[in-house]
Amino acid sequence: MWRELAPVGRHPDSGGYRRYAWSAADLECRAWFRAQAEARGLAYETDRNGNQWAWLGDPLAGDAVVTGSHLDSVPDGGAFDGPLGVVSSFAALDELHRRGAEFTRPLAITNFGDEEGARFGLACVGSRLAAGQLTVADAHRLRDADGIALPAAMESAGYDPEAIGPDPERLARIGAFVELHVEQGRALDLTGDPVGIASAIWPHGRWRFDFRGEANHAGTTRLADRRDPMLTYAETVLAARREAELTGALATFGKIAVEPNGVNAIPSLVRGWLDSRAADQATLDAVVTGIEAAAREYAERAGIDLDVVRESFTPVVEFEHALRDELAKILEGTGDTGRPVPVLGTGAGHDAGILSASVPTAMLFVRNPTGISHSPAEHAAEDDCTAGVRALADVLEGLACS
């Protein structure tokens, strides 16, 4: 499975993946998912929001155990973020069949659409729509860098954009959702454990900073006469680093758009996107407030107009303690080490975090020896991936089998 999926959407120059929502690479990944489902005799369906489902047992019976993740990527992302969870889900089901497990609850494997938000700027679109955390009107307003609206992208890919919206009936049939994911950090590497359990997802969000100045000639305009928004943006980037260090939070300007974007032109507009995360809400509020205050001070001094828009936000997610504890009990009873499975928090968002408001959710992490993620250097060793499959199979057997 890994060999089949690995070439899809891989860029020949960077070695990273460009599997953007509703693109040709995304559709190829979706075709791969469907083929895996049908090869196992699972009932395949796509829901109203474009999320894919592969069912063992009656989808309408209720109290289903669901596992899976996503197949899309960030720009030039790594091979493991998302796909490891989907591949491991199919592999765990294969393992359970080898064990002769008898299922007492329906089981489903899912691929949630547009988790990374690389194309339309909003993460977890598929799960947000299903959970009612993204309105249909707001979804229809999403546009990519080329001005293509989400509905048009879905329609060109063969999906009905008029069908999107909350799906409470489907979510009500889920008794538990467990997502396996490569760790995006080095906590497991430091403890020496191949697999861990998630405790919580930090609150996080994305803010767009629009710095508006005056376009002019780079070779003839005196420095004293310039209203250059790039300088104010640069000062704000440095302020973000300082505020993050002061508060113990994370703050990153990782995306920028410039107009008119000419080498010999002073920009009229610099648009930067801030990603910020923290262990608690108060700290997140403090770091973002500090960054915005600094940006406004710099802008006023330089005669730059500034607009700040919060484009997305996810509050802290505490995974349901009862389900988390049940996973720990299952894994401690089946593990090879005889010691408790590590429980760790994460600053990364996931579909499991979105769904946690509607259904009991939990997450498993697989060791990442470098901690690098959202990069072609992202990696997990084959032995650790195999340990993750065994752990997921143990969990699914404990939850869905007699």
Protein backbone atom coordinates (compact mmCIF):
# COMPACT_ATOMS: atom_id res chain seq x y z
CA MET A 1 0.00 0.00 0.00
CA TRP A 2 2.76 2.44 0.92
CA ARG A 3 4.61 1.84 -2.33
CA GLU A 4 1.44 2.38 -4.36
CA LEU A 5 0.55 5.63 -2.66
CA ALA A 6 4.06 7.10 -2.32
CA PRO A 7 4.47 8.49 -5.89
CA VAL A 8 1.08 10.25 -5.99
CA GLY A 9 1.47 14.02 -6.00
CA ARG A 10 5.19 13.95 -5.31
CA HIS A 11 7.05 16.89 -6.83
CA PRO A 12 10.19 15.82 -8.72
CA ASP A 13 12.28 18.82 -7.65
CA SER A 14 11.45 19.18 -3.95
CA GLY A 15 10.67 15.54 -3.20
CA GLY A 16 7.68 16.81 -1.21
CA TYR A 17 3.99 16.26 -1.81
CA ARG A 18 1.47 18.62 -3.38
CA ARG A 19 -1.77 16.80 -2.82
CA TYR A 20 -4.15 19.77 -2.70
CA ALA A 21 -7.89 19.41 -2.23
CA TRP A 22 -9.81 18.48 -5.37
CA SER A 23 -6.65 18.53 -7.51
CA ALA A 24 -5.59 15.71 -9.84
CA ALA A 25 -3.28 14.32 -7.14
CA ASP A 26 -6.09 14.39 -4.58
CA LEU A 27 -8.42 12.57 -6.96
CA GLU A 28 -5.74 9.92 -7.52
CA CYS A 29 -5.45 9.46 -3.75
CA ARG A 30 -9.23 9.14 -3.53
CA ALA A 31 -9.21 6.51 -6.26
CA TRP A 32 -6.53 4.63 -4.32
CA PHE A 33 -8.70 4.74 -1.16
CA ARG A 34 -11.71 3.39 -3.01
CA ALA A 35 -9.64 0.60 -4.56
CA GLN A 36 -8.35 -0.42 -1.10
CA ALA A 37 -11.91 -0.52 0.23
CA GLU A 38 -13.27 -2.55 -2.64
CA ALA A 39 -10.33 -4.98 -2.58
CA ARG A 40 -11.36 -5.88 0.98
CA GLY A 41 -15.06 -6.18 0.22
CA LEU A 42 -15.87 -3.07 2.27
CA ALA A 43 -18.92 -0.97 1.45
CA TYR A 44 -17.61 2.26 -0.07
CA GLU A 45 -19.35 5.63 0.01
CA THR A 46 -18.62 9.35 -0.20
CA ASP A 47 -20.61 11.58 2.12
CA ARG A 48 -22.19 14.92 1.28
CA ASN A 49 -18.95 16.78 2.10
CA GLY A 50 -16.64 14.65 0.01
CA ASN A 51 -15.27 12.57 2.89
CA GLN A 52 -14.67 8.92 1.96
CA TRP A 53 -15.89 5.94 4.01
CA ALA A 54 -15.20 2.21 3.84
CA TRP A 55 -17.57 0.13 5.98
CA LEU A 56 -17.36 -3.32 7.53
CA GLY A 57 -20.81 -4.07 8.90
CA ASP A 58 -24.00 -2.05 8.70
CA PRO A 59 -23.32 1.70 8.44
CA LEU A 60 -26.80 2.43 9.81
CA ALA A 61 -26.51 0.22 12.89
CA GLY A 62 -24.95 2.90 15.07
CA ASP A 63 -22.23 2.80 17.74
CA ALA A 64 -19.61 2.32 15.02
CA VAL A 65 -15.87 2.38 15.62
CA VAL A 66 -14.21 4.59 13.03
CA THR A 67 -10.55 5.10 12.24
CA GLY A 68 -8.61 6.92 9.52
CA SER A 69 -7.08 10.29 8.78
CA HIS A 70 -6.47 12.29 5.57
CA LEU A 71 -4.52 11.99 2.31
CA ASP A 72 -4.04 15.64 1.29
CA SER A 73 -0.85 17.56 2.08
CA VAL A 74 0.64 20.95 2.81
CA PRO A 75 2.80 22.45 0.03
CA ASP A 76 5.83 20.16 -0.36
CA GLY A 77 4.74 18.17 2.67
CA GLY A 78 6.03 14.85 3.92
CA ALA A 79 4.84 11.35 3.13
CA PHE A 80 3.55 10.44 6.59
CA ASP A 81 1.31 13.29 7.77
CA GLY A 82 -2.16 11.93 7.09
CA PRO A 83 -1.41 8.96 4.83
CA LEU A 84 0.22 6.97 7.66
CA GLY A 85 -3.12 7.00 9.48
CA VAL A 86 -5.09 5.85 6.44
CA VAL A 87 -2.62 3.14 5.38
CA SER A 88 -2.33 1.92 8.97
CA SER A 89 -6.12 1.69 9.24
CA PHE A 90 -6.34 -0.71 6.31
CA ALA A 91 -3.31 -2.63 7.58
CA ALA A 92 -4.85 -2.88 11.08
CA LEU A 93 -8.04 -4.30 9.57
CA ASP A 94 -5.95 -6.86 7.67
CA GLU A 95 -4.23 -7.77 10.94
CA LEU A 96 -7.56 -8.27 12.69
CA HIS A 97 -8.73 -10.57 9.91
CA ARG A 98 -5.50 -12.56 10.31
CA ARG A 99 -6.27 -12.85 14.03
CA GLY A 100 -9.75 -14.14 13.23
CA ALA A 101 -11.35 -11.29 15.16
CA GLU A 102 -15.14 -11.29 15.35
CA PHE A 103 -16.66 -7.83 15.12
CA THR A 104 -19.55 -6.87 17.37
CA ARG A 105 -19.75 -3.25 16.23
CA PRO A 106 -19.60 -1.75 12.73
CA LEU A 107 -16.14 -0.57 11.70
CA ALA A 108 -15.31 2.17 9.21
CA ILE A 109 -12.14 3.59 7.73
CA THR A 110 -12.32 7.19 6.55
CA ASN A 111 -10.38 9.75 4.53
CA PHE A 112 -11.41 13.27 5.51
CA GLY A 113 -11.15 15.83 2.73
CA ASP A 114 -9.01 18.98 2.73
CA GLU A 115 -7.55 18.52 6.22
CA GLU A 116 -4.46 20.63 5.63
CA GLY A 117 -6.21 23.65 4.12
CA ALA A 118 -3.33 24.14 1.68
CA ARG A 119 -5.55 25.20 -1.21
CA PHE A 120 -8.36 27.23 0.36
CA GLY A 121 -6.64 28.44 3.53
CA LEU A 122 -8.89 26.72 6.06
CA ALA A 123 -7.88 23.46 7.73
CA CYS A 124 -10.17 20.46 8.24
CA VAL A 125 -12.83 21.59 5.78
CA GLY A 126 -14.38 18.13 5.39
CA SER A 127 -14.70 17.42 9.10
CA ARG A 128 -15.68 21.03 9.93
CA LEU A 129 -18.56 20.84 7.46
CA ALA A 130 -19.72 17.47 8.81
CA ALA A 131 -19.59 18.72 12.40
CA GLY A 132 -21.39 21.98 11.57
CA GLN A 133 -18.35 24.07 12.48
CA LEU A 134 -18.18 25.60 9.00
CA THR A 135 -21.34 27.07 7.48
CA VAL A 136 -22.32 26.36 3.91
CA ALA A 137 -22.18 30.09 3.13
CA ASP A 138 -18.64 30.40 4.50
CA ALA A 139 -17.55 27.27 2.64
CA HIS A 140 -18.88 28.68 -0.62
CA ARG A 141 -16.83 31.83 -0.07
CA LEU A 142 -13.53 29.93 0.19
CA ARG A 143 -11.22 30.60 -2.75
CA ASP A 144 -7.76 29.42 -3.72
CA ALA A 145 -4.84 31.54 -4.90
CA ASP A 146 -6.19 31.48 -8.46
CA GLY A 147 -9.61 32.73 -7.37
CA ILE A 148 -11.30 29.36 -7.87
CA ALA A 149 -14.12 28.90 -5.37
CA LEU A 150 -14.48 25.69 -3.37
CA PRO A 151 -17.82 24.79 -5.04
CA ALA A 152 -16.27 25.15 -8.49
CA ALA A 153 -13.31 22.98 -7.50
CA MET A 154 -15.59 20.27 -6.12
CA GLU A 155 -17.81 20.37 -9.19
CA SER A 156 -14.85 20.10 -11.57
CA ALA A 157 -13.75 17.03 -9.61
CA GLY A 158 -17.17 15.40 -10.06
CA TYR A 159 -18.71 16.20 -6.66
CA ASP A 160 -21.91 18.11 -5.90
CA PRO A 161 -21.12 21.33 -3.99
CA GLU A 162 -24.81 21.97 -3.34
CA ALA A 163 -24.94 18.91 -1.07
CA ILE A 164 -22.39 20.11 1.48
CA GLY A 165 -23.39 20.89 5.03
CA PRO A 166 -23.75 19.49 8.56
CA ASP A 167 -24.10 15.73 8.82
CA PRO A 168 -25.36 15.09 12.37
CA GLU A 169 -27.11 11.83 11.46
CA ARG A 170 -23.84 10.30 10.29
CA LEU A 171 -21.88 11.51 13.31
CA ALA A 172 -24.60 10.19 15.64
CA ARG A 173 -23.88 6.68 14.32
CA ILE A 174 -20.23 6.87 15.45
CA GLY A 175 -19.49 5.50 18.90
CA ALA A 176 -15.73 6.22 18.81
CA PHE A 177 -13.21 7.73 16.39
CA VAL A 178 -9.52 6.85 16.72
CA GLU A 179 -6.97 8.59 14.51
CA LEU A 180 -3.40 7.35 14.15
CA HIS A 181 -0.86 9.99 13.14
CA VAL A 182 2.88 10.41 12.92
CA GLU A 183 4.06 12.48 15.86
CA GLN A 184 4.87 16.07 14.89
CA GLY A 185 7.55 16.49 17.50
CA ARG A 186 10.18 14.41 19.31
CA ALA A 187 8.51 13.49 22.60
CA LEU A 188 8.39 9.77 21.79
CA ASP A 189 11.93 9.78 20.47
CA LEU A 190 13.09 11.26 23.76
CA THR A 191 11.24 8.65 25.83
CA GLY A 192 12.22 5.76 23.55
CA ASP A 193 8.62 4.68 22.86
CA PRO A 194 7.35 3.75 19.38
CA VAL A 195 3.72 4.68 20.11
CA GLY A 196 1.94 7.19 22.34
CA ILE A 197 -1.57 8.41 23.13
CA ALA A 198 -2.72 12.00 22.67
CA SER A 199 -3.97 13.91 25.70
CA ALA A 200 -5.03 17.19 24.10
CA ILE A 201 -4.60 19.50 21.12
CA TRP A 202 -3.43 23.02 21.89
CA PRO A 203 -5.71 25.90 20.93
CA HIS A 204 -4.58 27.36 17.62
CA GLY A 205 -5.62 29.63 14.79
CA ARG A 206 -4.69 31.54 11.66
CA TRP A 207 -4.74 35.32 11.32
CA ARG A 208 -4.31 37.34 8.12
CA PHE A 209 -2.38 40.60 8.36
CA ASP A 210 -2.92 43.03 5.45
CA PHE A 211 -0.31 45.80 5.31
CA ARG A 212 -1.27 48.49 2.74
CA GLY A 213 1.20 51.12 1.59
CA GLU A 214 1.93 52.85 -1.69
CA ALA A 215 3.34 51.26 -4.82
CA ASN A 216 6.20 53.18 -6.37
CA HIS A 217 9.43 52.85 -8.35
CA ALA A 218 12.20 51.07 -6.45
CA GLY A 219 14.91 52.93 -8.32
CA THR A 220 13.65 56.51 -8.14
CA THR A 221 11.72 56.90 -4.89
CA ARG A 222 13.70 58.40 -2.00
CA LEU A 223 13.76 56.27 1.15
CA ALA A 224 12.22 59.15 3.08
CA ASP A 225 9.29 59.32 0.65
CA ARG A 226 8.35 55.65 0.77
CA ARG A 227 5.33 53.99 2.36
CA ASP A 228 6.72 50.48 2.11
CA PRO A 229 4.51 47.82 3.77
CA MET A 230 7.26 45.20 3.43
CA LEU A 231 9.27 46.88 6.17
CA THR A 232 6.31 46.89 8.54
CA TYR A 233 5.63 43.26 7.72
CA ALA A 234 9.27 42.36 8.40
CA GLU A 235 9.18 44.12 11.77
CA THR A 236 6.00 42.21 12.61
CA VAL A 237 7.63 38.87 11.79
CA LEU A 238 10.41 39.65 14.26
CA ALA A 239 7.85 40.81 16.83
CA ALA A 240 6.04 37.48 16.48
CA ARG A 241 9.21 35.61 17.39
CA ARG A 242 9.82 37.86 20.40
CA GLU A 243 6.24 37.52 21.67
CA ALA A 244 6.36 33.75 21.26
CA GLU A 245 9.58 33.53 23.27
CA LEU A 246 8.16 35.77 26.01
CA THR A 247 4.93 33.78 26.38
CA GLY A 248 6.17 30.25 25.74
CA ALA A 249 3.85 29.98 22.73
CA LEU A 250 4.45 29.36 19.03
CA ALA A 251 3.97 32.00 16.34
CA THR A 252 4.88 31.67 12.67
CA PHE A 253 4.43 33.77 9.56
CA GLY A 254 4.76 31.04 6.95
CA LYS A 255 2.84 32.43 3.98
CA ILE A 256 3.04 35.78 2.21
CA ALA A 257 1.45 37.46 -0.81
CA VAL A 258 2.83 40.67 -2.30
CA GLU A 259 1.32 43.15 -4.76
CA PRO A 260 2.39 44.09 -7.37
CA ASN A 261 5.18 41.59 -6.66
CA GLY A 262 7.80 43.18 -8.90
CA VAL A 263 11.54 43.17 -8.26
CA ASN A 264 11.80 46.87 -9.07
CA ALA A 265 8.55 47.93 -7.40
CA ILE A 266 7.81 49.05 -3.85
CA PRO A 267 4.81 46.93 -2.78
CA SER A 268 1.36 48.40 -2.35
CA LEU A 269 0.18 45.40 -0.31
CA VAL A 270 1.90 42.77 1.77
CA ARG A 271 -0.40 40.09 3.10
CA GLY A 272 1.01 37.70 5.67
CA TRP A 273 -0.62 34.79 7.45
CA LEU A 274 0.14 34.14 11.11
CA ASP A 275 -0.17 30.67 12.61
CA SER A 276 -0.11 30.69 16.40
CA ARG A 277 -0.54 27.95 19.00
CA ALA A 278 -0.19 27.68 22.76
CA ALA A 279 -0.76 25.24 25.60
CA ASP A 280 -3.76 27.21 26.87
CA GLN A 281 -6.19 29.87 25.70
CA ALA A 282 -4.86 32.69 27.87
CA THR A 283 -1.35 32.26 26.49
CA LEU A 284 -2.60 32.14 22.91
CA ASP A 285 -4.62 35.32 23.43
CA ALA A 286 -1.58 37.02 24.95
CA VAL A 287 0.80 36.19 22.10
CA VAL A 288 -1.61 37.16 19.31
CA THR A 289 -2.61 40.38 21.09
CA GLY A 290 1.06 41.25 21.54
CA ILE A 291 1.85 40.63 17.88
CA GLU A 292 -1.08 42.70 16.67
CA ALA A 293 -0.23 45.56 19.02
CA ALA A 294 3.34 45.63 17.75
CA ALA A 295 2.18 45.51 14.14
CA ARG A 296 -0.19 48.43 14.65
CA GLU A 297 2.54 50.47 16.32
CA TYR A 298 4.94 49.86 13.42
CA ALA A 299 2.20 50.56 10.86
CA GLU A 300 1.18 53.85 12.43
CA ARG A 301 4.77 55.02 12.59
CA ALA A 302 5.34 54.22 8.90
CA GLY A 303 2.01 55.46 7.55
CA ILE A 304 0.84 51.95 6.68
CA ASP A 305 -2.78 50.84 6.89
CA LEU A 306 -3.30 47.53 8.67
CA ASP A 307 -6.22 45.10 8.77
CA VAL A 308 -6.11 41.93 10.87
CA VAL A 309 -8.64 39.15 10.22
CA ARG A 310 -8.93 35.89 12.14
CA GLU A 311 -9.51 33.31 9.42
CA SER A 312 -9.80 30.20 11.57
CA PHE A 313 -9.64 29.16 15.20
CA THR A 314 -9.80 25.90 17.10
CA PRO A 315 -10.10 25.96 20.92
CA VAL A 316 -8.24 23.54 23.14
CA VAL A 317 -9.33 19.95 22.61
CA GLU A 318 -9.23 17.60 25.57
CA PHE A 319 -9.76 14.12 24.17
CA GLU A 320 -12.45 12.24 26.07
CA HIS A 321 -10.79 10.87 29.17
CA ALA A 322 -12.83 7.67 29.29
CA LEU A 323 -11.86 6.68 25.74
CA ARG A 324 -8.27 7.80 26.25
CA ASP A 325 -8.04 5.72 29.41
CA GLU A 326 -9.56 2.74 27.63
CA LEU A 327 -6.91 2.97 24.92
CA ALA A 328 -4.20 3.11 27.57
CA LYS A 329 -5.61 0.06 29.31
CA ILE A 330 -5.81 -1.91 26.04
CA LEU A 331 -2.27 -1.03 25.01
CA GLU A 332 -0.74 -1.64 28.41
CA GLY A 333 -2.32 -5.08 28.38
CA THR A 334 -0.97 -5.96 24.93
CA GLY A 335 2.35 -4.08 24.80
CA ASP A 336 5.78 -5.68 24.80
CA THR A 337 7.45 -3.33 27.29
CA GLY A 338 5.17 -3.85 30.27
CA ARG A 339 5.21 -0.11 31.03
CA PRO A 340 2.53 2.56 30.57
CA VAL A 341 2.07 4.06 27.13
CA PRO A 342 3.16 7.72 27.08
CA VAL A 343 0.37 10.32 27.00
CA LEU A 344 1.35 13.58 25.31
CA GLY A 345 -0.16 16.81 24.06
CA THR A 346 0.31 18.29 20.61
CA GLY A 347 0.24 21.68 18.97
CA ALA A 348 -0.98 20.29 15.65
CA GLY A 349 -4.63 20.28 14.62
CA HIS A 350 -6.39 17.15 13.37
CA ASP A 351 -9.79 15.95 12.19
CA ALA A 352 -10.05 14.10 15.51
CA GLY A 353 -9.95 17.46 17.26
CA ILE A 354 -12.80 18.80 15.14
CA LEU A 355 -14.93 15.69 15.65
CA SER A 356 -14.32 15.66 19.41
CA ALA A 357 -17.19 18.12 19.92
CA SER A 358 -19.60 15.62 18.35
CA VAL A 359 -18.25 12.11 19.05
CA PRO A 360 -15.79 10.48 21.49
CA THR A 361 -12.35 10.75 19.87
CA ALA A 362 -8.80 9.63 20.62
CA MET A 363 -5.44 9.66 18.87
CA LEU A 364 -2.38 7.45 18.63
CA PHE A 365 1.03 8.86 17.71
CA VAL A 366 3.87 6.99 15.98
CA ARG A 367 7.44 8.01 16.81
CA ASN A 368 9.11 10.56 14.55
CA PRO A 369 12.88 10.35 15.20
CA THR A 370 13.66 13.87 13.98
CA GLY A 371 10.44 15.61 14.95
CA ILE A 372 10.33 17.17 11.47
CA SER A 373 6.90 17.45 9.86
CA HIS A 374 5.29 19.39 6.99
CA SER A 375 8.55 18.78 5.12
CA PRO A 376 9.96 16.16 2.75
CA ALA A 377 12.31 15.20 5.62
CA GLU A 378 9.37 13.90 7.68
CA HIS A 379 10.05 10.27 8.58
CA ALA A 380 9.05 7.29 10.66
CA ALA A 381 10.96 4.00 10.77
CA GLU A 382 9.31 0.90 9.35
CA ASP A 383 9.51 -0.91 12.71
CA ASP A 384 7.72 1.98 14.43
CA CYS A 385 5.06 2.11 11.71
CA THR A 386 4.51 -1.61 12.19
CA ALA A 387 4.23 -1.05 15.94
CA GLY A 388 1.64 1.62 15.19
CA VAL A 389 -0.39 -0.82 13.09
CA ARG A 390 -0.28 -3.42 15.87
CA ALA A 391 -1.33 -0.80 18.44
CA LEU A 392 -4.21 0.38 16.26
CA ALA A 393 -5.29 -3.21 15.64
CA ASP A 394 -5.22 -3.87 19.40
CA VAL A 395 -7.34 -0.78 20.02
CA LEU A 396 -9.86 -1.62 17.32
CA GLU A 397 -10.09 -5.19 18.58
CA GLY A 398 -10.67 -3.95 22.10
CA LEU A 399 -13.37 -1.52 21.00
CA ALA A 400 -15.14 -3.31 18.15
CA CYS A 401 -14.66 -7.05 18.68
CA SER A 402 -15.93 -9.63 21.13
